[in-house]
C-alpha atoms as a PDB file:
ATOM      1  CA  UNK A   1    -144.164  93.669 -44.618  1.00  0.00           C
ATOM      2  CA  UNK A   2    -144.618  89.969 -45.005  1.00  0.00           C
ATOM      3  CA  UNK A   3    -142.351  87.056 -45.865  1.00  0.00           C
ATOM      4  CA  UNK A   4    -138.962  88.807 -45.619  1.00  0.00           C
ATOM      5  CA  UNK A   5    -139.811  90.263 -42.228  1.00  0.00           C
ATOM      6  CA  UNK A   6    -141.159  86.922 -41.013  1.00  0.00           C
ATOM      7  CA  UNK A   7    -138.017  85.053 -42.044  1.00  0.00           C
ATOM      8  CA  UNK A   8    -135.832  87.705 -40.452  1.00  0.00           C
ATOM      9  CA  UNK A   9    -137.738  87.632 -37.201  1.00  0.00           C
ATOM     10  CA  UNK A  10    -137.573  83.849 -37.011  1.00  0.00           C
ATOM     11  CA  UNK A  11    -133.790  84.047 -36.898  1.00  0.00           C
ATOM     12  CA  UNK A  12    -133.663  87.153 -34.773  1.00  0.00           C
ATOM     13  CA  UNK A  13    -135.792  85.725 -31.975  1.00  0.00           C
ATOM     14  CA  UNK A  14    -133.600  82.664 -31.639  1.00  0.00           C
ATOM     15  CA  UNK A  15    -131.462  84.158 -28.872  1.00  0.00           C
ATOM     16  CA  UNK A  16    -131.819  86.617 -26.018  1.00  0.00           C
ATOM     17  CA  UNK A  17    -130.982  90.262 -26.423  1.00  0.00           C
ATOM     18  CA  UNK A  18    -127.544  90.903 -24.888  1.00  0.00           C
ATOM     19  CA  UNK A  19    -126.969  93.512 -22.237  1.00  0.00           C
ATOM     20  CA  UNK A  20    -130.604  94.091 -21.292  1.00  0.00           C
ATOM     21  CA  UNK A  21    -131.114  96.480 -18.391  1.00  0.00           C
ATOM     22  CA  UNK A  22    -134.040  95.089 -16.431  1.00  0.00           C
ATOM     23  CA  UNK A  23    -136.876  97.273 -15.230  1.00  0.00           C
ATOM     24  CA  UNK A  24    -140.275  96.411 -13.904  1.00  0.00           C
ATOM     25  CA  UNK A  25    -143.631  96.736 -15.599  1.00  0.00           C
ATOM     26  CA  UNK A  26    -146.513  97.558 -13.265  1.00  0.00           C
ATOM     27  CA  UNK A  27    -148.992  94.939 -12.111  1.00  0.00           C
ATOM     28  CA  UNK A  28    -148.909  91.230 -11.411  1.00  0.00           C
ATOM     29  CA  UNK A  29    -150.734  90.076 -14.556  1.00  0.00           C
ATOM     30  CA  UNK A  30    -148.938  89.193 -17.816  1.00  0.00           C
ATOM     31  CA  UNK A  31    -148.648  92.110 -20.198  1.00  0.00           C
ATOM     32  CA  UNK A  32    -150.915  91.471 -23.191  1.00  0.00           C
ATOM     33  CA  UNK A  33    -149.952  93.085 -26.495  1.00  0.00           C
ATOM     34  CA  UNK A  34    -153.093  93.111 -28.618  1.00  0.00           C
ATOM     35  CA  UNK A  35    -152.828  93.685 -32.360  1.00  0.00           C
ATOM     36  CA  UNK A  36    -155.317  93.600 -35.185  1.00  0.00           C
ATOM     37  CA  UNK A  37    -153.238  91.653 -37.695  1.00  0.00           C
ATOM     38  CA  UNK A  38    -152.557  87.941 -38.225  1.00  0.00           C
ATOM     39  CA  UNK A  39    -149.558  85.891 -37.172  1.00  0.00           C
ATOM     40  CA  UNK A  40    -146.768  86.208 -39.698  1.00  0.00           C
ATOM     41  CA  UNK A  41    -147.708  89.730 -40.792  1.00  0.00           C
ATOM     42  CA  UNK A  42    -145.365  92.702 -40.480  1.00  0.00           C
ATOM     43  CA  UNK A  43    -147.110  94.089 -37.374  1.00  0.00           C
ATOM     44  CA  UNK A  44    -146.938  90.634 -35.791  1.00  0.00           C
ATOM     45  CA  UNK A  45    -143.181  90.498 -36.378  1.00  0.00           C
ATOM     46  CA  UNK A  46    -142.832  93.901 -34.718  1.00  0.00           C
ATOM     47  CA  UNK A  47    -145.017  92.863 -31.780  1.00  0.00           C
ATOM     48  CA  UNK A  48    -142.965  89.741 -31.126  1.00  0.00           C
ATOM     49  CA  UNK A  49    -139.655  91.552 -31.319  1.00  0.00           C
ATOM     50  CA  UNK A  50    -140.898  94.192 -28.878  1.00  0.00           C
ATOM     51  CA  UNK A  51    -142.395  91.531 -26.598  1.00  0.00           C
ATOM     52  CA  UNK A  52    -139.035  89.764 -26.503  1.00  0.00           C
ATOM     53  CA  UNK A  53    -137.362  93.044 -25.595  1.00  0.00           C
ATOM     54  CA  UNK A  54    -139.838  93.661 -22.773  1.00  0.00           C
ATOM     55  CA  UNK A  55    -139.568  90.227 -21.146  1.00  0.00           C
ATOM     56  CA  UNK A  56    -136.807  91.181 -18.682  1.00  0.00           C
ATOM     57  CA  UNK A  57    -139.064  93.975 -17.396  1.00  0.00           C
ATOM     58  CA  UNK A  58    -142.153  91.763 -17.154  1.00  0.00           C
ATOM     59  CA  UNK A  59    -141.979  89.229 -14.274  1.00  0.00           C
ATOM     60  CA  UNK A  60    -145.387  87.826 -15.248  1.00  0.00           C
ATOM     61  CA  UNK A  61    -144.471  87.560 -18.929  1.00  0.00           C
ATOM     62  CA  UNK A  62    -145.576  89.189 -22.191  1.00  0.00           C
ATOM     63  CA  UNK A  63    -148.241  87.667 -24.457  1.00  0.00           C
ATOM     64  CA  UNK A  64    -148.864  88.669 -28.083  1.00  0.00           C
ATOM     65  CA  UNK A  65    -152.581  88.385 -28.865  1.00  0.00           C
ATOM     66  CA  UNK A  66    -153.532  88.476 -32.565  1.00  0.00           C
ATOM     67  CA  UNK A  67    -157.097  89.598 -33.264  1.00  0.00           C
ATOM     68  CA  UNK A  68    -157.171  90.208 -37.026  1.00  0.00           C
ATOM     69  CA  UNK A  69    -160.153  91.541 -38.916  1.00  0.00           C
ATOM     70  CA  UNK A  70    -161.740  94.710 -40.288  1.00  0.00           C
ATOM     71  CA  UNK A  71    -158.360  96.335 -40.980  1.00  0.00           C
ATOM     72  CA  UNK A  72    -157.504  96.265 -37.283  1.00  0.00           C
ATOM     73  CA  UNK A  73    -160.739  97.864 -36.067  1.00  0.00           C
ATOM     74  CA  UNK A  74    -161.852  94.786 -34.109  1.00  0.00           C
ATOM     75  CA  UNK A  75    -158.712  94.791 -31.989  1.00  0.00           C
ATOM     76  CA  UNK A  76    -158.822  98.560 -31.512  1.00  0.00           C
ATOM     77  CA  UNK A  77    -162.416  98.429 -30.304  1.00  0.00           C
ATOM     78  CA  UNK A  78    -161.586  95.619 -27.875  1.00  0.00           C
ATOM     79  CA  UNK A  79    -158.641  97.574 -26.490  1.00  0.00           C
ATOM     80  CA  UNK A  80    -160.688 100.758 -26.139  1.00  0.00           C
ATOM     81  CA  UNK A  81    -163.294  98.900 -24.074  1.00  0.00           C
ATOM     82  CA  UNK A  82    -160.907  96.718 -22.052  1.00  0.00           C
ATOM     83  CA  UNK A  83    -161.569  96.270 -18.351  1.00  0.00           C
ATOM     84  CA  UNK A  84    -160.081  96.507 -15.881  1.00  0.00           C
ATOM     85  CA  UNK A  85    -157.975  99.384 -17.198  1.00  0.00           C
ATOM     86  CA  UNK A  86    -154.948  98.376 -15.130  1.00  0.00           C
ATOM     87  CA  UNK A  87    -152.248  98.597 -17.780  1.00  0.00           C
ATOM     88  CA  UNK A  88    -152.059  94.852 -18.377  1.00  0.00           C
ATOM     89  CA  UNK A  89    -153.393  95.290 -21.932  1.00  0.00           C
ATOM     90  CA  UNK A  90    -151.774  97.475 -24.579  1.00  0.00           C
ATOM     91  CA  UNK A  91    -152.788  97.866 -28.199  1.00  0.00           C
ATOM     92  CA  UNK A  92    -149.982  97.728 -30.714  1.00  0.00           C
ATOM     93  CA  UNK A  93    -151.686 100.207 -33.004  1.00  0.00           C
ATOM     94  CA  UNK A  94    -150.708 101.651 -36.362  1.00  0.00           C
ATOM     95  CA  UNK A  95    -151.346 104.664 -38.530  1.00  0.00           C
ATOM     96  CA  UNK A  96    -154.546 103.238 -39.989  1.00  0.00           C
ATOM     97  CA  UNK A  97    -156.267 102.521 -36.671  1.00  0.00           C
ATOM     98  CA  UNK A  98    -154.992 105.577 -34.795  1.00  0.00           C
ATOM     99  CA  UNK A  99    -154.803 108.344 -37.414  1.00  0.00           C
ATOM    100  CA  UNK A 100    -156.544 107.484 -40.682  1.00  0.00           C
ATOM    101  CA  UNK A 101    -159.639 105.626 -39.454  1.00  0.00           C
ATOM    102  CA  UNK A 102    -161.566 108.713 -38.240  1.00  0.00           C
ATOM    103  CA  UNK A 103    -161.504 110.006 -41.818  1.00  0.00           C
ATOM    104  CA  UNK A 104    -161.892 106.728 -43.680  1.00  0.00           C
ATOM    105  CA  UNK A 105    -164.752 105.147 -41.710  1.00  0.00           C
ATOM    106  CA  UNK A 106    -168.208 106.687 -41.412  1.00  0.00           C
ATOM    107  CA  UNK A 107    -169.027 104.744 -38.243  1.00  0.00           C
ATOM    108  CA  UNK A 108    -165.915 104.069 -36.207  1.00  0.00           C
ATOM    109  CA  UNK A 109    -166.557 101.963 -33.070  1.00  0.00           C
ATOM    110  CA  UNK A 110    -163.985 103.917 -31.044  1.00  0.00           C
ATOM    111  CA  UNK A 111    -162.446 107.382 -30.922  1.00  0.00           C
ATOM    112  CA  UNK A 112    -158.633 107.252 -31.094  1.00  0.00           C
ATOM    113  CA  UNK A 113    -158.258 110.646 -29.397  1.00  0.00           C
ATOM    114  CA  UNK A 114    -160.760 109.940 -26.603  1.00  0.00           C
ATOM    115  CA  UNK A 115    -160.427 106.229 -25.933  1.00  0.00           C
ATOM    116  CA  UNK A 116    -156.650 105.745 -25.865  1.00  0.00           C
ATOM    117  CA  UNK A 117    -153.687 107.092 -23.916  1.00  0.00           C
ATOM    118  CA  UNK A 118    -150.306 107.157 -25.642  1.00  0.00           C
ATOM    119  CA  UNK A 119    -147.575 104.964 -24.164  1.00  0.00           C
ATOM    120  CA  UNK A 120    -144.724 105.038 -26.704  1.00  0.00           C
ATOM    121  CA  UNK A 121    -144.105 105.048 -30.433  1.00  0.00           C
ATOM    122  CA  UNK A 122    -142.063 102.079 -31.603  1.00  0.00           C
ATOM    123  CA  UNK A 123    -141.125 101.999 -35.262  1.00  0.00           C
ATOM    124  CA  UNK A 124    -142.161 102.793 -38.800  1.00  0.00           C
ATOM    125  CA  UNK A 125    -142.288 100.840 -42.038  1.00  0.00           C
ATOM    126  CA  UNK A 126    -141.439 103.088 -44.963  1.00  0.00           C
ATOM    127  CA  UNK A 127    -142.783 102.583 -48.459  1.00  0.00           C
ATOM    128  CA  UNK A 128    -141.183 102.395 -51.883  1.00  0.00           C
ATOM    129  CA  UNK A 129    -142.863 103.401 -55.127  1.00  0.00           C
ATOM    130  CA  UNK A 130    -142.191 100.540 -57.531  1.00  0.00           C
ATOM    131  CA  UNK A 131    -142.829  99.900 -61.205  1.00  0.00           C
ATOM    132  CA  UNK A 132    -142.231  96.981 -63.535  1.00  0.00           C
ATOM    133  CA  UNK A 133    -138.515  96.382 -63.937  1.00  0.00           C
ATOM    134  CA  UNK A 134    -138.861  95.992 -67.706  1.00  0.00           C
ATOM    135  CA  UNK A 135    -140.106  99.571 -68.139  1.00  0.00           C
ATOM    136  CA  UNK A 136    -137.536 101.891 -69.789  1.00  0.00           C
ATOM    137  CA  UNK A 137    -137.318 104.188 -66.748  1.00  0.00           C
ATOM    138  CA  UNK A 138    -134.873 104.271 -63.857  1.00  0.00           C
ATOM    139  CA  UNK A 139    -135.907 107.373 -61.919  1.00  0.00           C
ATOM    140  CA  UNK A 140    -139.131 108.977 -60.743  1.00  0.00           C
ATOM    141  CA  UNK A 141    -139.119 111.950 -63.117  1.00  0.00           C
ATOM    142  CA  UNK A 142    -138.594 109.672 -66.113  1.00  0.00           C
ATOM    143  CA  UNK A 143    -141.512 107.514 -64.975  1.00  0.00           C
ATOM    144  CA  UNK A 144    -143.725 110.582 -64.539  1.00  0.00           C
ATOM    145  CA  UNK A 145    -142.939 111.665 -68.109  1.00  0.00           C
ATOM    146  CA  UNK A 146    -143.679 108.154 -69.341  1.00  0.00           C
ATOM    147  CA  UNK A 147    -146.890 107.991 -67.293  1.00  0.00           C
ATOM    148  CA  UNK A 148    -148.132 111.300 -68.709  1.00  0.00           C
ATOM    149  CA  UNK A 149    -147.985 109.800 -72.203  1.00  0.00           C
ATOM    150  CA  UNK A 150    -150.143 106.775 -71.379  1.00  0.00           C
ATOM    151  CA  UNK A 151    -153.739 106.729 -72.567  1.00  0.00           C
ATOM    152  CA  UNK A 152    -154.743 104.783 -69.499  1.00  0.00           C
ATOM    153  CA  UNK A 153    -152.834 104.748 -66.220  1.00  0.00           C
ATOM    154  CA  UNK A 154    -153.651 102.617 -63.191  1.00  0.00           C
ATOM    155  CA  UNK A 155    -151.945 102.439 -59.811  1.00  0.00           C
ATOM    156  CA  UNK A 156    -152.362  99.433 -57.573  1.00  0.00           C
ATOM    157  CA  UNK A 157    -153.137  99.617 -53.866  1.00  0.00           C
ATOM    158  CA  UNK A 158    -153.438  97.047 -51.077  1.00  0.00           C
ATOM    159  CA  UNK A 159    -156.938  98.273 -50.221  1.00  0.00           C
ATOM    160  CA  UNK A 160    -159.149 101.340 -50.296  1.00  0.00           C
ATOM    161  CA  UNK A 161    -158.435 103.774 -47.488  1.00  0.00           C
ATOM    162  CA  UNK A 162    -154.896 102.496 -46.832  1.00  0.00           C
ATOM    163  CA  UNK A 163    -151.583 104.409 -46.862  1.00  0.00           C
ATOM    164  CA  UNK A 164    -150.801 102.815 -50.221  1.00  0.00           C
ATOM    165  CA  UNK A 165    -154.067 104.135 -51.648  1.00  0.00           C
ATOM    166  CA  UNK A 166    -153.561 107.685 -50.442  1.00  0.00           C
ATOM    167  CA  UNK A 167    -149.873 107.649 -51.331  1.00  0.00           C
ATOM    168  CA  UNK A 168    -150.828 106.820 -54.918  1.00  0.00           C
ATOM    169  CA  UNK A 169    -153.467 109.562 -54.889  1.00  0.00           C
ATOM    170  CA  UNK A 170    -150.975 112.113 -53.538  1.00  0.00           C
ATOM    171  CA  UNK A 171    -148.391 111.189 -56.191  1.00  0.00           C
ATOM    172  CA  UNK A 172    -150.939 111.446 -59.004  1.00  0.00           C
ATOM    173  CA  UNK A 173    -152.218 114.799 -57.751  1.00  0.00           C
ATOM    174  CA  UNK A 174    -148.715 116.230 -57.302  1.00  0.00           C
ATOM    175  CA  UNK A 175    -147.750 115.221 -60.845  1.00  0.00           C
ATOM    176  CA  UNK A 176    -151.067 116.074 -62.503  1.00  0.00           C
ATOM    177  CA  UNK A 177    -151.665 112.499 -63.611  1.00  0.00           C
ATOM    178  CA  UNK A 178    -155.086 111.027 -64.341  1.00  0.00           C
ATOM    179  CA  UNK A 179    -154.380 107.729 -62.587  1.00  0.00           C
ATOM    180  CA  UNK A 180    -157.108 105.257 -61.700  1.00  0.00           C
ATOM    181  CA  UNK A 181    -156.595 103.456 -58.357  1.00  0.00           C
ATOM    182  CA  UNK A 182    -157.123  99.703 -58.481  1.00  0.00           C
ATOM    183  CA  UNK A 183    -157.707  98.221 -55.033  1.00  0.00           C
ATOM    184  CA  UNK A 184    -156.598  94.699 -54.201  1.00  0.00           C
ATOM    185  CA  UNK A 185    -157.229  92.658 -51.077  1.00  0.00           C
ATOM    186  CA  UNK A 186    -153.551  92.319 -50.171  1.00  0.00           C
ATOM    187  CA  UNK A 187    -150.139  93.732 -50.998  1.00  0.00           C
ATOM    188  CA  UNK A 188    -149.110  90.532 -52.773  1.00  0.00           C
ATOM    189  CA  UNK A 189    -152.080  90.744 -55.127  1.00  0.00           C
ATOM    190  CA  UNK A 190    -151.297  94.355 -56.010  1.00  0.00           C
ATOM    191  CA  UNK A 191    -147.627  93.561 -56.535  1.00  0.00           C
ATOM    192  CA  UNK A 192    -148.581  90.685 -58.827  1.00  0.00           C
ATOM    193  CA  UNK A 193    -150.579  93.157 -60.916  1.00  0.00           C
ATOM    194  CA  UNK A 194    -147.485  95.375 -61.247  1.00  0.00           C
ATOM    195  CA  UNK A 195    -145.403  92.372 -62.273  1.00  0.00           C
ATOM    196  CA  UNK A 196    -148.062  91.438 -64.839  1.00  0.00           C
ATOM    197  CA  UNK A 197    -148.187  95.049 -66.095  1.00  0.00           C
ATOM    198  CA  UNK A 198    -151.923  95.321 -65.432  1.00  0.00           C
ATOM    199  CA  UNK A 199    -151.216  98.313 -63.184  1.00  0.00           C
ATOM    200  CA  UNK A 200    -148.342 100.691 -63.755  1.00  0.00           C
ATOM    201  CA  UNK A 201    -147.008 101.201 -60.231  1.00  0.00           C
ATOM    202  CA  UNK A 202    -147.746 100.998 -56.513  1.00  0.00           C
ATOM    203  CA  UNK A 203    -146.527 101.895 -53.049  1.00  0.00           C
ATOM    204  CA  UNK A 204    -145.544  98.933 -50.880  1.00  0.00           C
ATOM    205  CA  UNK A 205    -143.365  98.566 -47.820  1.00  0.00           C
ATOM    206  CA  UNK A 206    -139.642  98.366 -48.445  1.00  0.00           C
ATOM    207  CA  UNK A 207    -139.302  94.943 -46.818  1.00  0.00           C
ATOM    208  CA  UNK A 208    -141.887  93.436 -49.177  1.00  0.00           C
ATOM    209  CA  UNK A 209    -140.525  94.841 -52.436  1.00  0.00           C
ATOM    210  CA  UNK A 210    -136.783  94.641 -51.723  1.00  0.00           C
ATOM    211  CA  UNK A 211    -136.306  91.028 -52.958  1.00  0.00           C
ATOM    212  CA  UNK A 212    -138.107  91.837 -56.228  1.00  0.00           C
ATOM    213  CA  UNK A 213    -136.080  95.017 -56.709  1.00  0.00           C
ATOM    214  CA  UNK A 214    -132.823  93.198 -56.035  1.00  0.00           C
ATOM    215  CA  UNK A 215    -133.814  90.526 -58.563  1.00  0.00           C
ATOM    216  CA  UNK A 216    -134.635  93.161 -61.199  1.00  0.00           C
ATOM    217  CA  UNK A 217    -138.323  92.269 -61.442  1.00  0.00           C
ATOM    218  CA  UNK A 218    -139.313  95.665 -60.030  1.00  0.00           C
ATOM    219  CA  UNK A 219    -137.645  99.061 -60.086  1.00  0.00           C
ATOM    220  CA  UNK A 220    -137.910 101.188 -56.953  1.00  0.00           C
ATOM    221  CA  UNK A 221    -138.028 104.865 -57.906  1.00  0.00           C
ATOM    222  CA  UNK A 222    -138.291 106.490 -54.467  1.00  0.00           C
ATOM    223  CA  UNK A 223    -138.789 105.679 -50.800  1.00  0.00           C
ATOM    224  CA  UNK A 224    -141.107 107.637 -48.554  1.00  0.00           C
ATOM    225  CA  UNK A 225    -139.144 107.729 -45.304  1.00  0.00           C
ATOM    226  CA  UNK A 226    -136.998 110.583 -43.961  1.00  0.00           C
ATOM    227  CA  UNK A 227    -133.833 108.667 -44.861  1.00  0.00           C
ATOM    228  CA  UNK A 228    -132.786 106.036 -47.361  1.00  0.00           C
ATOM    229  CA  UNK A 229    -133.826 102.499 -46.529  1.00  0.00           C
ATOM    230  CA  UNK A 230    -131.018 100.094 -45.555  1.00  0.00           C
ATOM    231  CA  UNK A 231    -132.615  97.385 -47.709  1.00  0.00           C
ATOM    232  CA  UNK A 232    -132.632  99.748 -50.754  1.00  0.00           C
ATOM    233  CA  UNK A 233    -129.671 102.073 -50.151  1.00  0.00           C
ATOM    234  CA  UNK A 234    -129.414 103.263 -53.765  1.00  0.00           C
ATOM    235  CA  UNK A 235    -133.023 104.492 -53.910  1.00  0.00           C
ATOM    236  CA  UNK A 236    -133.512 108.198 -53.099  1.00  0.00           C
ATOM    237  CA  UNK A 237    -136.121 109.548 -50.720  1.00  0.00           C
ATOM    238  CA  UNK A 238    -139.038 111.639 -51.926  1.00  0.00           C
ATOM    239  CA  UNK A 239    -137.489 114.581 -50.093  1.00  0.00           C
ATOM    240  CA  UNK A 240    -134.217 114.137 -51.991  1.00  0.00           C
ATOM    241  CA  UNK A 241    -136.233 114.274 -55.201  1.00  0.00           C
ATOM    242  CA  UNK A 242    -137.793 117.584 -54.209  1.00  0.00           C
ATOM    243  CA  UNK A 243    -141.145 116.086 -53.182  1.00  0.00           C
ATOM    244  CA  UNK A 244    -141.154 116.159 -49.363  1.00  0.00           C
ATOM    245  CA  UNK A 245    -144.968 116.276 -49.240  1.00  0.00           C
ATOM    246  CA  UNK A 246    -144.958 112.691 -50.532  1.00  0.00           C
ATOM    247  CA  UNK A 247    -143.183 111.425 -47.426  1.00  0.00           C
ATOM    248  CA  UNK A 248    -145.270 109.049 -45.297  1.00  0.00           C
ATOM    249  CA  UNK A 249    -144.943 105.755 -43.468  1.00  0.00           C
ATOM    250  CA  UNK A 250    -146.871 103.060 -41.664  1.00  0.00           C
ATOM    251  CA  UNK A 251    -145.948 103.833 -38.065  1.00  0.00           C
ATOM    252  CA  UNK A 252    -146.632 101.706 -35.017  1.00  0.00           C
ATOM    253  CA  UNK A 253    -146.914 102.430 -31.315  1.00  0.00           C
ATOM    254  CA  UNK A 254    -148.352 101.243 -28.037  1.00  0.00           C
ATOM    255  CA  UNK A 255    -151.491 102.790 -26.583  1.00  0.00           C
ATOM    256  CA  UNK A 256    -153.492 101.910 -23.480  1.00  0.00           C
ATOM    257  CA  UNK A 257    -157.158 102.315 -22.585  1.00  0.00           C
ATOM    258  CA  UNK A 258    -157.693 105.944 -21.619  1.00  0.00           C
ATOM    259  CA  UNK A 259    -158.673 105.043 -18.036  1.00  0.00           C
ATOM    260  CA  UNK A 260    -155.272 103.520 -17.168  1.00  0.00           C
ATOM    261  CA  UNK A 261    -153.818 105.586 -14.288  1.00  0.00           C
ATOM    262  CA  UNK A 262    -151.032 108.043 -15.052  1.00  0.00           C
ATOM    263  CA  UNK A 263    -148.398 106.387 -12.829  1.00  0.00           C
ATOM    264  CA  UNK A 264    -148.987 103.056 -14.576  1.00  0.00           C
ATOM    265  CA  UNK A 265    -148.626 104.720 -17.981  1.00  0.00           C
ATOM    266  CA  UNK A 266    -145.402 106.387 -16.867  1.00  0.00           C
ATOM    267  CA  UNK A 267    -143.903 103.135 -15.612  1.00  0.00           C
ATOM    268  CA  UNK A 268    -144.883 101.310 -18.798  1.00  0.00           C
ATOM    269  CA  UNK A 269    -143.494 104.110 -20.961  1.00  0.00           C
ATOM    270  CA  UNK A 270    -140.184 103.906 -19.117  1.00  0.00           C
ATOM    271  CA  UNK A 271    -139.954 100.136 -19.563  1.00  0.00           C
ATOM    272  CA  UNK A 272    -140.761 100.339 -23.281  1.00  0.00           C
ATOM    273  CA  UNK A 273    -138.266 103.128 -23.961  1.00  0.00           C
ATOM    274  CA  UNK A 274    -135.609 101.274 -21.977  1.00  0.00           C
ATOM    275  CA  UNK A 275    -136.160  98.208 -24.165  1.00  0.00           C
ATOM    276  CA  UNK A 276    -136.158 100.267 -27.362  1.00  0.00           C
ATOM    277  CA  UNK A 277    -132.846 101.885 -26.394  1.00  0.00           C
ATOM    278  CA  UNK A 278    -131.055  98.542 -26.504  1.00  0.00           C
ATOM    279  CA  UNK A 279    -128.862  98.304 -29.638  1.00  0.00           C
ATOM    280  CA  UNK A 280    -129.773  94.643 -30.059  1.00  0.00           C
ATOM    281  CA  UNK A 281    -133.467  95.352 -30.431  1.00  0.00           C
ATOM    282  CA  UNK A 282    -132.849  98.275 -32.755  1.00  0.00           C
ATOM    283  CA  UNK A 283    -130.659  96.119 -34.990  1.00  0.00           C
ATOM    284  CA  UNK A 284    -133.263  93.375 -35.099  1.00  0.00           C
ATOM    285  CA  UNK A 285    -135.983  95.823 -36.058  1.00  0.00           C
ATOM    286  CA  UNK A 286    -133.888  97.261 -38.894  1.00  0.00           C
ATOM    287  CA  UNK A 287    -133.037  93.786 -40.184  1.00  0.00           C
ATOM    288  CA  UNK A 288    -136.769  93.017 -40.265  1.00  0.00           C
ATOM    289  CA  UNK A 289    -137.395  96.121 -42.393  1.00  0.00           C
ATOM    290  CA  UNK A 290    -138.498  98.588 -39.704  1.00  0.00           C
ATOM    291  CA  UNK A 291    -137.108 102.015 -38.867  1.00  0.00           C
ATOM    292  CA  UNK A 292    -136.915 102.340 -35.060  1.00  0.00           C
ATOM    293  CA  UNK A 293    -138.820 105.431 -33.950  1.00  0.00           C
ATOM    294  CA  UNK A 294    -138.963 105.433 -30.128  1.00  0.00           C
ATOM    295  CA  UNK A 295    -140.965 108.336 -28.738  1.00  0.00           C
ATOM    296  CA  UNK A 296    -142.322 108.900 -25.248  1.00  0.00           C
ATOM    297  CA  UNK A 297    -145.931 109.544 -24.290  1.00  0.00           C
ATOM    298  CA  UNK A 298    -146.042 113.278 -24.894  1.00  0.00           C
ATOM    299  CA  UNK A 299    -144.240 113.155 -28.237  1.00  0.00           C
ATOM    300  CA  UNK A 300    -146.268 110.182 -29.430  1.00  0.00           C
ATOM    301  CA  UNK A 301    -149.558 111.840 -28.467  1.00  0.00           C
ATOM    302  CA  UNK A 302    -148.567 115.003 -30.344  1.00  0.00           C
ATOM    303  CA  UNK A 303    -147.507 112.965 -33.364  1.00  0.00           C
ATOM    304  CA  UNK A 304    -150.823 111.098 -33.465  1.00  0.00           C
ATOM    305  CA  UNK A 305    -152.760 114.360 -33.284  1.00  0.00           C
ATOM    306  CA  UNK A 306    -150.718 115.832 -36.129  1.00  0.00           C
ATOM    307  CA  UNK A 307    -151.085 112.668 -38.198  1.00  0.00           C
ATOM    308  CA  UNK A 308    -154.872 112.632 -37.763  1.00  0.00           C
ATOM    309  CA  UNK A 309    -155.018 116.196 -39.051  1.00  0.00           C
ATOM    310  CA  UNK A 310    -152.684 115.444 -41.942  1.00  0.00           C
ATOM    311  CA  UNK A 311    -154.537 112.351 -43.135  1.00  0.00           C
ATOM    312  CA  UNK A 312    -157.920 114.051 -42.761  1.00  0.00           C
ATOM    313  CA  UNK A 313    -156.704 116.711 -45.191  1.00  0.00           C
ATOM    314  CA  UNK A 314    -155.351 114.083 -47.605  1.00  0.00           C
ATOM    315  CA  UNK A 315    -158.598 112.098 -47.508  1.00  0.00           C
ATOM    316  CA  UNK A 316    -160.663 115.242 -48.176  1.00  0.00           C
ATOM    317  CA  UNK A 317    -158.427 116.164 -51.105  1.00  0.00           C
ATOM    318  CA  UNK A 318    -158.919 112.776 -52.751  1.00  0.00           C
ATOM    319  CA  UNK A 319    -162.698 112.896 -52.414  1.00  0.00           C
ATOM    320  CA  UNK A 320    -162.615 109.469 -50.805  1.00  0.00           C
ATOM    321  CA  UNK A 321    -165.991 108.362 -49.488  1.00  0.00           C
ATOM    322  CA  UNK A 322    -165.838 106.974 -45.979  1.00  0.00           C
ATOM    323  CA  UNK A 323    -166.300 103.231 -45.601  1.00  0.00           C
ATOM    324  CA  UNK A 324    -169.592 102.343 -43.907  1.00  0.00           C
END
């Protein structure tokens, strides 16, 4: 989620959210939302929208702190080791840091299950499987038939060990395709390879691909969320196409250092869920390409545990070698 989400957020943050019910976050220090991605990225857009929603509940203010690097691991390690553990620092974490990393890194500098306490899930960014618009296919089954006839088939990804990588591997395995993954440093690079026909498809977030799909440069064959994406309403879900196992998303949530006291976690959870319940914030998230997914501490903790197990199984099935 990049330029479209950034442009949307710039307009969306221009005014206050109407009708905010104020609560109070614990502590006298500003609330620091730490994230492992740069300013202008999709996670940064999400963090700033959520921070804006939390301001009425934060007398000392809310600060978004970008610490990009190592696919978010630097920020996650800092959050896991933060002191004092008083609730003034939260990690805006995502599926890679909190669920996939234990299986994709041989030496992880933190343990998501041990070092963090769930606060609340926030939202998800669903993916679309896209191919070159000039290809003579308009649905997933037609593309799979076309792909099976190719002597050489490559699928682009925005990096080894990412949701886009494993989504491509799951699709190839489900369809019995011999597809070679080609890893790029960023989503834009991979999408350029699709547009140049040097790779024959990729998974990318809906917000990133929607302008290209609407312009006819790419064709979106399926989306991976539980429902159709508002930005691509004509594109069916994987579940609608009879492939529910290919449903996945990049989800985001707030976690705290594990030593934060329970009452502080409870108060923070309440403030976050109160903010997420506001229609204004939900609308702004959807316009920026996110699917609001507010969950409390217990549900979010259970979801993370289930997601770690699911991605561990996927990683094993692909034979992926953990990154050192």
